[in-house]
Amino acid sequence: MGVKAEGKYLPISARKGRQAIDIIRGKDAGEALLELKYLPNRSAKIVYKVLKSAMYNAQNNHNLEVEDLYVSEAFVNEGPTLKRYRPRAMGRANRIRKRTSHITIIVDSKKGER
């Protein structure tokens, strides 16, 4: 049983969020933070904040050592889509879909002790 952090209604599409999540899944938490910090995608910055929150939750709420943490589970689900309209020529309109996502990261201790 790990320690969970969730980011909800984040302004990134689930597909783009999964690109960053796939890189860090199963890695040490410190190493994952370092990789996310230097990734050029915008989604990496959002995932970085959620991972950092999960690490702080483990440290403050469960007294786990930060050095022993690894990313045990990480996934991105789709959130609600905001629908907007952009005016086009001759009185028409195009729909713009602003997608959101929910990012969940679960970190656990390598030692297995609580």
C-alpha atoms as a PDB file:
ATOM      1  CA  MET A   1       0.000   0.000   0.000  1.00  0.00           C
ATOM      2  CA  GLY A   2       1.568   3.230  -1.135  1.00  0.00           C
ATOM      3  CA  VAL A   3       1.041   6.913  -0.576  1.00  0.00           C
ATOM      4  CA  LYS A   4      -1.105   8.660  -3.174  1.00  0.00           C
ATOM      5  CA  ALA A   5      -1.251  12.153  -4.643  1.00  0.00           C
ATOM      6  CA  GLU A   6      -3.840  13.253  -7.180  1.00  0.00           C
ATOM      7  CA  GLY A   7      -3.965  16.264  -9.434  1.00  0.00           C
ATOM      8  CA  LYS A   8      -7.464  16.864 -10.726  1.00  0.00           C
ATOM      9  CA  TYR A   9      -8.783  19.017 -13.581  1.00  0.00           C
ATOM     10  CA  LEU A  10      -5.267  19.755 -14.843  1.00  0.00           C
ATOM     11  CA  PRO A  11      -5.128  21.663 -18.141  1.00  0.00           C
ATOM     12  CA  ILE A  12      -3.340  19.020 -20.212  1.00  0.00           C
ATOM     13  CA  SER A  13      -4.761  16.285 -22.415  1.00  0.00           C
ATOM     14  CA  ALA A  14      -4.517  12.766 -21.037  1.00  0.00           C
ATOM     15  CA  ARG A  15      -2.473  11.605 -24.015  1.00  0.00           C
ATOM     16  CA  LYS A  16       0.205  14.240 -23.438  1.00  0.00           C
ATOM     17  CA  GLY A  17       0.229  13.546 -19.711  1.00  0.00           C
ATOM     18  CA  ARG A  18       0.814   9.844 -20.329  1.00  0.00           C
ATOM     19  CA  GLN A  19       4.018  10.624 -22.234  1.00  0.00           C
ATOM     20  CA  ALA A  20       5.635  12.010 -19.094  1.00  0.00           C
ATOM     21  CA  ILE A  21       4.100   9.373 -16.802  1.00  0.00           C
ATOM     22  CA  ASP A  22       5.462   6.515 -18.926  1.00  0.00           C
ATOM     23  CA  ILE A  23       9.000   7.819 -18.421  1.00  0.00           C
ATOM     24  CA  ILE A  24       8.874   7.821 -14.607  1.00  0.00           C
ATOM     25  CA  ARG A  25       6.814   4.698 -13.853  1.00  0.00           C
ATOM     26  CA  GLY A  26       8.789   2.257 -11.678  1.00  0.00           C
ATOM     27  CA  LYS A  27      11.765   4.567 -11.062  1.00  0.00           C
ATOM     28  CA  ASP A  28      13.187   5.976  -7.839  1.00  0.00           C
ATOM     29  CA  ALA A  29      11.296   9.104  -6.821  1.00  0.00           C
ATOM     30  CA  GLY A  30      14.402  11.302  -6.753  1.00  0.00           C
ATOM     31  CA  GLU A  31      15.543  10.084 -10.149  1.00  0.00           C
ATOM     32  CA  ALA A  32      12.039  10.608 -11.565  1.00  0.00           C
ATOM     33  CA  LEU A  33      11.961  14.191 -10.255  1.00  0.00           C
ATOM     34  CA  LEU A  34      15.302  14.889 -11.914  1.00  0.00           C
ATOM     35  CA  GLU A  35      14.142  13.497 -15.259  1.00  0.00           C
ATOM     36  CA  LEU A  36      10.884  15.449 -15.164  1.00  0.00           C
ATOM     37  CA  LYS A  37      12.708  18.661 -14.324  1.00  0.00           C
ATOM     38  CA  TYR A  38      14.704  18.536 -17.555  1.00  0.00           C
ATOM     39  CA  LEU A  39      12.062  17.187 -19.931  1.00  0.00           C
ATOM     40  CA  PRO A  40      11.028  19.839 -22.470  1.00  0.00           C
ATOM     41  CA  ASN A  41       7.281  19.000 -22.488  1.00  0.00           C
ATOM     42  CA  ARG A  42       4.740  21.136 -20.690  1.00  0.00           C
ATOM     43  CA  SER A  43       3.163  18.021 -19.203  1.00  0.00           C
ATOM     44  CA  ALA A  44       6.420  17.213 -17.372  1.00  0.00           C
ATOM     45  CA  LYS A  45       6.057  20.350 -15.244  1.00  0.00           C
ATOM     46  CA  ILE A  46       2.540  19.338 -14.181  1.00  0.00           C
ATOM     47  CA  VAL A  47       3.531  15.728 -13.427  1.00  0.00           C
ATOM     48  CA  TYR A  48       6.557  17.044 -11.494  1.00  0.00           C
ATOM     49  CA  LYS A  49       4.263  18.916  -9.091  1.00  0.00           C
ATOM     50  CA  VAL A  50       2.048  15.876  -8.491  1.00  0.00           C
ATOM     51  CA  LEU A  51       5.076  13.627  -7.863  1.00  0.00           C
ATOM     52  CA  LYS A  52       6.541  16.140  -5.441  1.00  0.00           C
ATOM     53  CA  SER A  53       3.213  16.245  -3.598  1.00  0.00           C
ATOM     54  CA  ALA A  54       3.186  12.441  -3.315  1.00  0.00           C
ATOM     55  CA  MET A  55       6.709  12.508  -1.875  1.00  0.00           C
ATOM     56  CA  TYR A  56       5.774  15.152   0.689  1.00  0.00           C
ATOM     57  CA  ASN A  57       2.653  13.181   1.641  1.00  0.00           C
ATOM     58  CA  ALA A  58       4.803  10.102   2.282  1.00  0.00           C
ATOM     59  CA  GLN A  59       7.289  12.082   4.345  1.00  0.00           C
ATOM     60  CA  ASN A  60       4.833  14.112   6.446  1.00  0.00           C
ATOM     61  CA  ASN A  61       1.844  11.803   6.832  1.00  0.00           C
ATOM     62  CA  HIS A  62       3.519   8.374   6.941  1.00  0.00           C
ATOM     63  CA  ASN A  63       7.068   9.168   8.172  1.00  0.00           C
ATOM     64  CA  LEU A  64       8.729   7.459   5.202  1.00  0.00           C
ATOM     65  CA  GLU A  65      12.259   8.335   4.103  1.00  0.00           C
ATOM     66  CA  VAL A  66      12.329  10.242   0.810  1.00  0.00           C
ATOM     67  CA  GLU A  67      15.470   8.380  -0.344  1.00  0.00           C
ATOM     68  CA  ASP A  68      13.638   5.019  -0.132  1.00  0.00           C
ATOM     69  CA  LEU A  69      10.637   6.021  -2.260  1.00  0.00           C
ATOM     70  CA  TYR A  70       9.913   4.811  -5.774  1.00  0.00           C
ATOM     71  CA  VAL A  71       7.000   5.384  -8.157  1.00  0.00           C
ATOM     72  CA  SER A  72       4.944   2.202  -7.757  1.00  0.00           C
ATOM     73  CA  GLU A  73       1.919   3.311  -9.800  1.00  0.00           C
ATOM     74  CA  ALA A  74       1.225   6.273 -12.044  1.00  0.00           C
ATOM     75  CA  PHE A  75      -1.659   6.852 -14.400  1.00  0.00           C
ATOM     76  CA  VAL A  76      -3.571   9.607 -16.172  1.00  0.00           C
ATOM     77  CA  ASN A  77      -7.327   9.622 -16.687  1.00  0.00           C
ATOM     78  CA  GLU A  78      -9.392  11.993 -18.786  1.00  0.00           C
ATOM     79  CA  GLY A  79     -11.204  14.800 -17.040  1.00  0.00           C
ATOM     80  CA  PRO A  80     -14.084  16.877 -18.349  1.00  0.00           C
ATOM     81  CA  THR A  81     -13.616  18.683 -21.641  1.00  0.00           C
ATOM     82  CA  LEU A  82     -14.331  22.406 -21.800  1.00  0.00           C
ATOM     83  CA  LYS A  83     -16.084  23.304 -25.031  1.00  0.00           C
ATOM     84  CA  ARG A  84     -15.360  26.685 -26.573  1.00  0.00           C
ATOM     85  CA  TYR A  85     -16.148  28.209 -29.958  1.00  0.00           C
ATOM     86  CA  ARG A  86     -13.966  30.192 -32.342  1.00  0.00           C
ATOM     87  CA  PRO A  87     -15.585  32.437 -34.946  1.00  0.00           C
ATOM     88  CA  ARG A  88     -14.806  31.574 -38.562  1.00  0.00           C
ATOM     89  CA  ALA A  89     -15.550  33.112 -41.927  1.00  0.00           C
ATOM     90  CA  MET A  90     -19.092  33.768 -43.176  1.00  0.00           C
ATOM     91  CA  GLY A  91     -20.725  33.541 -39.740  1.00  0.00           C
ATOM     92  CA  ARG A  92     -19.622  29.992 -39.000  1.00  0.00           C
ATOM     93  CA  ALA A  93     -18.030  28.695 -35.807  1.00  0.00           C
ATOM     94  CA  ASN A  94     -15.522  25.960 -35.012  1.00  0.00           C
ATOM     95  CA  ARG A  95     -15.589  24.032 -31.758  1.00  0.00           C
ATOM     96  CA  ILE A  96     -12.448  24.087 -29.629  1.00  0.00           C
ATOM     97  CA  ARG A  97     -12.107  21.292 -27.087  1.00  0.00           C
ATOM     98  CA  LYS A  98      -9.927  22.183 -24.100  1.00  0.00           C
ATOM     99  CA  ARG A  99      -9.152  18.836 -22.543  1.00  0.00           C
ATOM    100  CA  THR A 100      -8.369  18.261 -18.876  1.00  0.00           C
ATOM    101  CA  SER A 101      -6.982  15.270 -17.033  1.00  0.00           C
ATOM    102  CA  HIS A 102      -6.638  13.709 -13.597  1.00  0.00           C
ATOM    103  CA  ILE A 103      -3.103  12.553 -12.722  1.00  0.00           C
ATOM    104  CA  THR A 104      -2.578   9.988  -9.950  1.00  0.00           C
ATOM    105  CA  ILE A 105       0.853   8.989  -8.650  1.00  0.00           C
ATOM    106  CA  ILE A 106       1.421   6.393  -5.924  1.00  0.00           C
ATOM    107  CA  VAL A 107       4.832   6.170  -4.271  1.00  0.00           C
ATOM    108  CA  ASP A 108       5.940   3.366  -1.975  1.00  0.00           C
ATOM    109  CA  SER A 109       8.971   2.563   0.152  1.00  0.00           C
ATOM    110  CA  LYS A 110      11.500   0.044  -1.183  1.00  0.00           C
ATOM    111  CA  LYS A 111      12.036  -1.339   2.320  1.00  0.00           C
ATOM    112  CA  GLY A 112       8.400  -2.370   2.684  1.00  0.00           C
ATOM    113  CA  GLU A 113       8.208  -1.221   6.301  1.00  0.00           C
ATOM    114  CA  ARG A 114       5.858   1.381   7.737  1.00  0.00           C
END
